[in-house]
C-alpha cells in the first residue's frame, strides 16, 4: 500500500498533511491526497507528477488534491484524468472535506519526534515574485491558547522538539487583540511547558524579529540556535524590485548580531537566483552574501515566473543563465556548509534521533546515529568525520 498523503513544499504543508493523513484514515472510501505547492513553476510541475505517480500506485482509490497549486489554479488539476476532486486550502483542515467524522489526533504511525505546529497562515505582504498569498489569503494567526493546546498534544504523543511553522511566521499576532509579537508566543510556550526540550522556528522575516524574540533566540537554551532568514537576494536594487522590506546591510548586520550574542548559532536563508533584471553585479552580490552572512543552510531557488505576479512582467533573465546562477549560489552555500560541518568534528552535541537512523543537533547539523538509537532519544555525540554529508 502506498503513502496516503504526498506532501510538497513548506513545513506548513508538512504540518497540515499530518492532520489530513489522520482524517483520510477515517474516510469510508480509501482516499489518497497530494498536498501541492505553487512556490515555483517547478513545484507545480512536481505536484502534477506526484498526482500521476499516486494514481498509478492507487488505481482504485479516490484521489484528491489540495495545497497552494490546487487552490490557485483548481481547473489545472480537475482537468487531470487522475484527479477525483480538489480541496482548497481554506477547507483542507475541515474533516467534512475528507468525509471524516471529526479531526482525530495523528496515529502512532504518523507521529514524529519533531512536531510541526502551524501558528499562522497567509501573508499580508506583496513580494513581487510570490504567488502564495493567492493560495493562502491574508495572514490569520492562531490564538495563544490554540497553539498551546497543539503543543500539549504533540508532547503527550512523544515529540521532543516543536517547530513553529507558517507562511509568514514572524507576522504572527498582527491580527489578534492587542497585536502580540512572535516573541510573546515563544515566551508563552516556554512558560507553559518547562519540560519541552527543544523549540525551533521556521523561516523568519528579519525585519519582523521583535526584541523579545531576539533575546529568546540568543539567550534561551531551549530555543534552538538555528535561524532561517527569508533573505531572497543580496543586492539592494533586487530587494527593492522584489518589494522586500530590508536592505543588504541590514541582513548582514542581523546575522552578525545573532552570532555575536550566541556563538553557536547557524544561519539559514532562502535565496532566489536569476530574478528579473538581475545583472552580473546583482548576481555577484547574491553569491557574496552567502559568505557575508555565513549561510550554512541554504534554500536556493532558480527564479521562475508565476503568472499574475508583477515580477512575471519584468524583463526576464534567460532560463539557462538562471540555472547557471542558481548552481553558483548553491556552490557558495556548499562551501560555507562544508567548512561549518568540519568545525563540528570533535565537538560534543545533543542530537535528537529520528526514525531513519539520522538526527540533528540544535544547530540543525545532520548526524548519522549509532546502531540501536531509539527514535526520540536525545543522545550526546562527538563526531570524528563527515561521510555522505552526515557527521558521524
Protein backbone atom coordinates (compact mmCIF):
# COMPACT_ATOMS: atom_id res chain seq x y z
CA UNK A 1 0.00 0.00 0.00
CA UNK A 2 1.44 3.39 -0.99
CA UNK A 3 1.68 6.55 1.09
CA UNK A 4 -1.79 8.05 1.63
CA UNK A 5 -0.63 11.69 1.57
CA UNK A 6 2.16 13.06 -0.61
CA UNK A 7 3.43 16.46 0.52
CA UNK A 8 5.26 19.07 -1.48
CA UNK A 9 6.59 22.42 -0.34
CA UNK A 10 6.85 24.09 3.01
CA UNK A 11 6.81 22.97 6.63
CA UNK A 12 3.29 24.34 6.98
CA UNK A 13 2.18 21.84 4.33
CA UNK A 14 4.01 19.11 6.26
CA UNK A 15 2.16 20.02 9.44
CA UNK A 16 -1.21 20.13 7.68
CA UNK A 17 -0.53 16.81 5.99
CA UNK A 18 -0.24 15.13 9.39
CA UNK A 19 -3.81 16.20 10.16
CA UNK A 20 -5.02 15.26 6.67
CA UNK A 21 -3.44 11.80 6.95
CA UNK A 22 -5.34 11.18 10.19
CA UNK A 23 -8.62 12.40 8.68
CA UNK A 24 -8.47 10.39 5.45
CA UNK A 25 -7.80 7.27 7.52
CA UNK A 26 -11.41 7.65 8.70
CA UNK A 27 -12.94 8.16 5.24
CA UNK A 28 -15.39 5.45 4.14
CA UNK A 29 -13.54 5.07 0.82
CA UNK A 30 -9.79 4.66 0.55
CA UNK A 31 -8.52 8.19 -0.17
CA UNK A 32 -5.10 9.41 -1.25
CA UNK A 33 -4.05 13.04 -1.31
CA UNK A 34 -1.46 15.27 -2.96
CA UNK A 35 -0.79 18.38 -0.85
CA UNK A 36 0.56 20.60 -3.61
CA UNK A 37 2.94 23.57 -3.75
CA UNK A 38 2.97 26.63 -6.01
CA UNK A 39 6.08 28.49 -4.85
CA UNK A 40 7.76 27.95 -8.25
CA UNK A 41 6.72 26.67 -11.65
CA UNK A 42 8.84 23.60 -10.93
CA UNK A 43 6.89 22.99 -7.71
CA UNK A 44 3.66 22.98 -9.72
CA UNK A 45 5.17 20.50 -12.20
CA UNK A 46 6.29 18.29 -9.34
CA UNK A 47 2.77 18.44 -7.88
CA UNK A 48 1.31 17.23 -11.18
CA UNK A 49 3.90 14.45 -11.41
CA UNK A 50 3.03 13.44 -7.85
CA UNK A 51 -0.62 13.14 -8.88
CA UNK A 52 0.26 10.79 -11.73
CA UNK A 53 2.55 8.67 -9.53
CA UNK A 54 -0.02 8.42 -6.75
CA UNK A 55 -2.75 7.40 -9.18
CA UNK A 56 -0.55 4.72 -10.74
CA UNK A 57 0.14 3.29 -7.28
CA UNK A 58 -3.52 3.54 -6.20
CA UNK A 59 -5.75 2.87 -9.24
CA UNK A 60 -8.88 2.19 -7.19
CA UNK A 61 -8.58 4.95 -4.55
CA UNK A 62 -10.26 8.33 -4.50
CA UNK A 63 -7.52 10.86 -5.34
CA UNK A 64 -7.87 14.43 -4.07
CA UNK A 65 -5.53 17.39 -4.48
CA UNK A 66 -5.15 20.25 -2.02
CA UNK A 67 -2.49 22.87 -1.28
CA UNK A 68 -1.49 26.12 -2.93
CA UNK A 69 -1.17 24.92 -6.54
CA UNK A 70 -4.64 23.35 -6.40
CA UNK A 71 -6.12 26.43 -4.72
CA UNK A 72 -4.63 28.96 -7.15
CA UNK A 73 -5.49 27.01 -10.31
CA UNK A 74 -8.01 24.27 -9.42
CA UNK A 75 -9.01 23.84 -13.06
CA UNK A 76 -5.49 22.64 -13.91
CA UNK A 77 -5.95 19.71 -11.54
CA UNK A 78 -9.63 18.93 -12.09
CA UNK A 79 -8.77 18.60 -15.79
CA UNK A 80 -6.32 15.79 -14.98
CA UNK A 81 -7.98 12.39 -15.53
CA UNK A 82 -6.22 11.03 -12.45
CA UNK A 83 -7.93 13.54 -10.10
CA UNK A 84 -11.29 12.96 -8.44
CA UNK A 85 -11.53 16.33 -6.74
CA UNK A 86 -9.81 19.43 -5.36
CA UNK A 87 -9.91 20.68 -1.77
CA UNK A 88 -8.99 24.35 -1.34
CA UNK A 89 -6.56 25.42 1.37
CA UNK A 90 -9.40 27.08 3.29
CA UNK A 91 -11.12 23.69 3.69
CA UNK A 92 -8.13 21.35 3.99
CA UNK A 93 -8.38 21.05 7.80
CA UNK A 94 -12.17 20.56 7.76
CA UNK A 95 -12.98 16.88 8.44
CA UNK A 96 -16.01 17.13 6.14
CA UNK A 97 -13.73 17.76 3.15
CA UNK A 98 -12.29 14.27 3.65
CA UNK A 99 -15.56 12.62 4.76
CA UNK A 100 -14.16 12.19 8.28
CA UNK A 101 -16.39 12.45 11.35
CA UNK A 102 -14.05 14.66 13.38
CA UNK A 103 -10.47 15.86 13.41
CA UNK A 104 -8.61 12.93 15.03
CA UNK A 105 -5.17 13.03 16.55
CA UNK A 106 -2.32 11.68 14.41
CA UNK A 107 -1.94 7.93 14.78
CA UNK A 108 1.19 6.49 16.40
CA UNK A 109 2.45 5.58 12.92
CA UNK A 110 2.39 9.22 11.79
CA UNK A 111 3.69 10.88 14.94
CA UNK A 112 7.16 12.32 14.64
CA UNK A 113 9.94 13.05 17.08
CA UNK A 114 9.86 16.59 15.66
CA UNK A 115 6.36 18.10 15.63
CA UNK A 116 5.37 20.91 13.27
CA UNK A 117 2.85 23.31 14.81
CA UNK A 118 1.20 25.85 12.47
CA UNK A 119 0.83 29.19 14.24
CA UNK A 120 -0.47 31.22 11.30
CA UNK A 121 -1.24 31.02 7.61
CA UNK A 122 -1.49 33.54 4.80
CA UNK A 123 0.55 36.69 4.22
CA UNK A 124 -0.17 40.43 4.20
CA UNK A 125 2.91 41.37 2.17
CA UNK A 126 3.17 41.75 -1.59
CA UNK A 127 6.54 40.46 -2.74
CA UNK A 128 6.55 40.83 -6.50
CA UNK A 129 7.69 37.25 -7.17
CA UNK A 130 5.31 35.47 -4.84
CA UNK A 131 2.01 33.78 -5.75
CA UNK A 132 1.46 32.22 -2.30
CA UNK A 133 -0.89 34.94 -0.94
CA UNK A 134 -3.25 33.98 -3.76
CA UNK A 135 -3.32 30.45 -2.38
CA UNK A 136 -3.28 31.21 1.33
CA UNK A 137 -5.02 34.59 1.62
CA UNK A 138 -4.33 37.22 4.26
CA UNK A 139 -2.44 36.43 7.44
CA UNK A 140 -4.52 34.63 10.06
CA UNK A 141 -2.92 33.86 13.43
CA UNK A 142 -3.74 31.02 15.79
CA UNK A 143 -4.56 32.35 19.29
CA UNK A 144 -2.06 31.56 22.03
CA UNK A 145 -4.44 29.10 23.70
CA UNK A 146 -4.87 27.13 20.45
CA UNK A 147 -1.11 26.93 19.92
CA UNK A 148 -0.59 25.74 23.50
CA UNK A 149 -3.20 23.01 23.05
CA UNK A 150 -1.46 21.84 19.89
CA UNK A 151 1.95 21.79 21.57
CA UNK A 152 0.49 19.92 24.54
CA UNK A 153 -0.96 17.26 22.24
CA UNK A 154 2.33 16.71 20.45
CA UNK A 155 4.28 16.48 23.70
CA UNK A 156 1.78 13.95 25.04
CA UNK A 157 2.35 11.92 21.84
CA UNK A 158 6.10 11.84 22.49
CA UNK A 159 7.53 14.74 20.48
CA UNK A 160 10.83 16.05 21.82
CA UNK A 161 11.07 19.06 19.54
CA UNK A 162 8.40 21.50 18.40
CA UNK A 163 8.80 23.59 15.25
CA UNK A 164 6.59 26.67 14.83
CA UNK A 165 5.54 26.99 11.20
CA UNK A 166 3.51 29.28 8.99
CA UNK A 167 3.57 31.20 5.72
CA UNK A 168 4.85 34.35 7.47
CA UNK A 169 5.70 33.15 10.98
CA UNK A 170 7.06 36.49 12.18
CA UNK A 171 3.77 38.06 11.11
CA UNK A 172 2.03 36.06 13.86
CA UNK A 173 -0.18 38.14 16.14
CA UNK A 174 -0.81 41.20 13.97
CA UNK A 175 -4.48 40.26 13.56
CA UNK A 176 -5.05 39.27 17.21
CA UNK A 177 -6.30 41.55 20.01
CA UNK A 178 -3.51 43.87 21.22
CA UNK A 179 -1.31 42.66 18.32
CA UNK A 180 1.15 40.47 20.26
CA UNK A 181 4.52 39.64 18.69
CA UNK A 182 6.04 36.25 17.95
CA UNK A 183 8.37 36.69 20.91
CA UNK A 184 5.30 36.77 23.17
CA UNK A 185 4.10 33.45 21.76
CA UNK A 186 7.51 31.81 22.13
CA UNK A 187 7.74 33.04 25.74
CA UNK A 188 4.25 31.67 26.47
CA UNK A 189 5.18 28.23 25.12
CA UNK A 190 8.38 28.11 27.17
CA UNK A 191 6.49 29.13 30.33
CA UNK A 192 3.67 26.64 29.78
CA UNK A 193 5.94 23.66 29.04
CA UNK A 194 9.10 23.81 31.16
CA UNK A 195 9.85 20.18 30.20
CA UNK A 196 9.85 20.90 26.45
CA UNK A 197 13.46 20.16 25.46
CA UNK A 198 13.64 21.92 22.10
CA UNK A 199 11.72 24.68 20.35
CA UNK A 200 12.64 25.57 16.76
CA UNK A 201 11.37 28.29 14.45
CA UNK A 202 10.84 28.01 10.71
CA UNK A 203 11.67 30.77 8.21
CA UNK A 204 11.71 34.28 9.72
CA UNK A 205 11.48 37.72 8.13
CA UNK A 206 14.40 39.57 9.71
CA UNK A 207 12.65 42.95 9.85
CA UNK A 208 9.88 41.39 11.97
CA UNK A 209 12.11 39.83 14.63
CA UNK A 210 10.97 41.69 17.75
CA UNK A 211 13.20 42.45 20.72
CA UNK A 212 11.87 39.68 22.95
CA UNK A 213 12.17 37.12 20.16
CA UNK A 214 15.78 38.17 19.54
CA UNK A 215 16.59 37.77 23.23
CA UNK A 216 14.98 34.33 23.36
CA UNK A 217 16.76 33.14 20.21
CA UNK A 218 20.12 34.28 21.51
CA UNK A 219 19.71 33.65 25.23
CA UNK A 220 17.30 30.76 25.85
CA UNK A 221 18.90 27.31 25.63
CA UNK A 222 15.64 25.58 24.74
CA UNK A 223 15.20 27.78 21.65
CA UNK A 224 17.41 26.15 19.05
CA UNK A 225 20.37 28.16 17.71
CA UNK A 226 19.17 27.86 14.13
CA UNK A 227 17.70 30.89 12.37
CA UNK A 228 16.45 30.58 8.81
CA UNK A 229 16.04 34.03 7.27
CA UNK A 230 13.84 34.99 4.33
CA UNK A 231 16.61 36.98 2.60
CA UNK A 232 15.73 36.24 -1.05
CA UNK A 233 18.52 38.44 -2.51
CA UNK A 234 21.86 40.02 -1.72
CA UNK A 235 21.60 43.25 -3.73
CA UNK A 236 19.60 46.32 -2.72
CA UNK A 237 18.10 47.03 -6.16
CA UNK A 238 16.93 43.43 -6.46
CA UNK A 239 15.43 43.60 -2.98
CA UNK A 240 13.63 46.83 -3.93
CA UNK A 241 12.23 45.25 -7.10
CA UNK A 242 11.13 42.26 -5.05
CA UNK A 243 9.37 44.64 -2.60
CA UNK A 244 11.32 43.18 0.29
CA UNK A 245 11.49 45.35 3.39
CA UNK A 246 15.16 45.01 4.33
CA UNK A 247 18.45 46.09 2.80
CA UNK A 248 21.55 44.02 2.24
CA UNK A 249 23.36 45.84 5.05
CA UNK A 250 20.51 45.15 7.46
CA UNK A 251 20.58 41.43 6.64
CA UNK A 252 24.33 41.21 7.21
CA UNK A 253 24.08 43.24 10.43
CA UNK A 254 21.32 40.96 11.78
CA UNK A 255 23.37 37.83 11.15
CA UNK A 256 26.37 39.46 12.86
CA UNK A 257 24.24 40.48 15.87
CA UNK A 258 22.84 36.96 16.18
CA UNK A 259 26.27 35.34 16.12
CA UNK A 260 27.72 37.94 18.50
CA UNK A 261 25.08 37.07 21.12
CA UNK A 262 25.12 33.28 20.53
CA UNK A 263 28.33 31.96 19.02
CA UNK A 264 26.95 28.55 18.01
CA UNK A 265 24.03 29.94 16.03
CA UNK A 266 23.63 28.58 12.49
CA UNK A 267 22.20 30.86 9.82
CA UNK A 268 19.99 29.59 7.02
CA UNK A 269 18.42 31.58 4.21
CA UNK A 270 16.14 31.48 1.21
CA UNK A 271 17.78 32.97 -1.90
CA UNK A 272 16.40 33.45 -5.42
CA UNK A 273 18.82 33.27 -8.34
CA UNK A 274 18.12 34.94 -11.68
CA UNK A 275 15.41 37.36 -10.56
CA UNK A 276 14.17 39.54 -13.46
CA UNK A 277 16.57 42.39 -14.40
CA UNK A 278 19.40 40.68 -12.47
CA UNK A 279 22.78 41.63 -13.98
CA UNK A 280 26.23 40.27 -13.18
CA UNK A 281 26.77 42.70 -10.30
CA UNK A 282 23.47 41.74 -8.70
CA UNK A 283 24.28 38.07 -9.09
CA UNK A 284 27.75 38.60 -7.59
CA UNK A 285 26.11 40.23 -4.56
CA UNK A 286 23.82 37.19 -4.26
CA UNK A 287 26.84 34.90 -4.19
CA UNK A 288 28.77 37.15 -1.80
CA UNK A 289 26.02 37.43 0.81
CA UNK A 290 26.35 33.70 1.47
CA UNK A 291 29.81 34.27 2.96
CA UNK A 292 28.93 37.65 4.46
CA UNK A 293 26.06 36.14 6.46
CA UNK A 294 27.82 32.76 6.90
CA UNK A 295 24.82 30.92 5.49
CA UNK A 296 25.15 27.20 6.17
CA UNK A 297 21.57 26.12 5.45
CA UNK A 298 20.67 27.45 2.02
CA UNK A 299 17.42 27.04 0.10
CA UNK A 300 18.32 28.33 -3.36
CA UNK A 301 15.51 28.77 -5.87
CA UNK A 302 16.10 29.44 -9.57
CA UNK A 303 13.57 32.15 -10.38
CA UNK A 304 10.58 31.07 -12.44
CA UNK A 305 7.80 33.49 -13.42
CA UNK A 306 4.46 32.97 -11.72
CA UNK A 307 1.58 34.25 -13.87
CA UNK A 308 -0.26 37.07 -12.16
CA UNK A 309 2.74 38.39 -10.23
CA UNK A 310 4.44 41.74 -11.00
CA UNK A 311 7.83 40.07 -11.44
CA UNK A 312 6.45 37.96 -14.30
CA UNK A 313 6.00 41.20 -16.29
CA UNK A 314 9.59 42.38 -15.70
CA UNK A 315 12.45 41.72 -18.17
CA UNK A 316 13.38 38.09 -17.65
CA UNK A 317 16.83 36.51 -17.33
CA UNK A 318 17.27 33.67 -19.87
CA UNK A 319 16.43 30.33 -18.18
CA UNK A 320 19.83 28.71 -18.90
CA UNK A 321 21.53 31.66 -17.19
CA UNK A 322 19.10 31.42 -14.27
CA UNK A 323 20.05 27.77 -13.78
CA UNK A 324 23.76 28.57 -14.06
CA UNK A 325 23.49 31.32 -11.45
CA UNK A 326 21.47 29.11 -9.11
CA UNK A 327 24.22 26.50 -9.33
CA UNK A 328 26.81 29.13 -8.42
CA UNK A 329 24.83 30.30 -5.38
CA UNK A 330 24.39 26.68 -4.28
CA UNK A 331 28.12 26.13 -4.65
CA UNK A 332 28.77 29.12 -2.39
CA UNK A 333 26.43 27.64 0.24
CA UNK A 334 28.12 24.25 -0.10
CA UNK A 335 31.48 25.87 0.65
CA UNK A 336 30.32 27.60 3.85
CA UNK A 337 28.38 24.49 4.91
CA UNK A 338 31.37 22.19 4.45
CA UNK A 339 33.56 24.49 6.50
CA UNK A 340 30.90 24.67 9.22
CA UNK A 341 30.44 20.89 9.38
CA UNK A 342 34.21 20.40 9.57
CA UNK A 343 34.26 22.78 12.54
CA UNK A 344 31.83 20.48 14.39
CA UNK A 345 34.19 17.47 14.20
CA UNK A 346 35.37 16.74 17.73
CA UNK A 347 32.63 18.86 19.35
CA UNK A 348 30.03 17.14 21.53
CA UNK A 349 26.41 17.97 20.73
CA UNK A 350 22.96 16.82 21.83
CA UNK A 351 21.38 15.07 18.84
CA UNK A 352 17.69 14.27 18.50
CA UNK A 353 17.28 10.80 16.99
CA UNK A 354 14.80 10.46 14.15
CA UNK A 355 13.22 7.39 12.58
CA UNK A 356 15.56 7.00 9.61
CA UNK A 357 18.79 6.47 11.53
CA UNK A 358 19.81 10.12 11.39
CA UNK A 359 19.41 13.02 13.79
CA UNK A 360 20.03 16.73 14.14
CA UNK A 361 21.90 18.85 16.65
CA UNK A 362 20.41 22.10 17.98
CA UNK A 363 22.08 23.95 15.07
CA UNK A 364 20.34 21.51 12.69
CA UNK A 365 23.58 19.82 11.70
CA UNK A 366 22.87 16.30 10.37
CA UNK A 367 24.30 13.24 12.14
CA UNK A 368 24.35 9.52 11.47
CA UNK A 369 23.22 7.75 14.65
CA UNK A 370 24.87 4.80 16.36
CA UNK A 371 23.13 1.46 15.76
CA UNK A 372 20.23 0.87 18.12
CA UNK A 373 19.47 4.52 18.91
CA UNK A 374 15.74 4.80 19.57
CA UNK A 375 13.73 7.47 17.72
CA UNK A 376 13.00 10.41 20.00
CA UNK A 377 16.06 9.83 22.17
CA UNK A 378 18.40 12.79 22.67
CA UNK A 379 21.97 11.49 22.66
CA UNK A 380 25.37 13.09 23.15
CA UNK A 381 27.56 12.59 20.07
CA UNK A 382 31.12 13.60 19.28
CA UNK A 383 31.73 13.12 15.55
CA UNK A 384 35.11 12.18 14.16
CA UNK A 385 34.38 12.55 10.44
CA UNK A 386 31.88 13.55 7.75
CA UNK A 387 30.56 10.85 5.44
CA UNK A 388 27.91 11.37 2.75
CA UNK A 389 27.05 14.76 4.22
CA UNK A 390 26.48 13.41 7.73
CA UNK A 391 28.59 13.85 10.84
CA UNK A 392 29.44 10.54 12.48
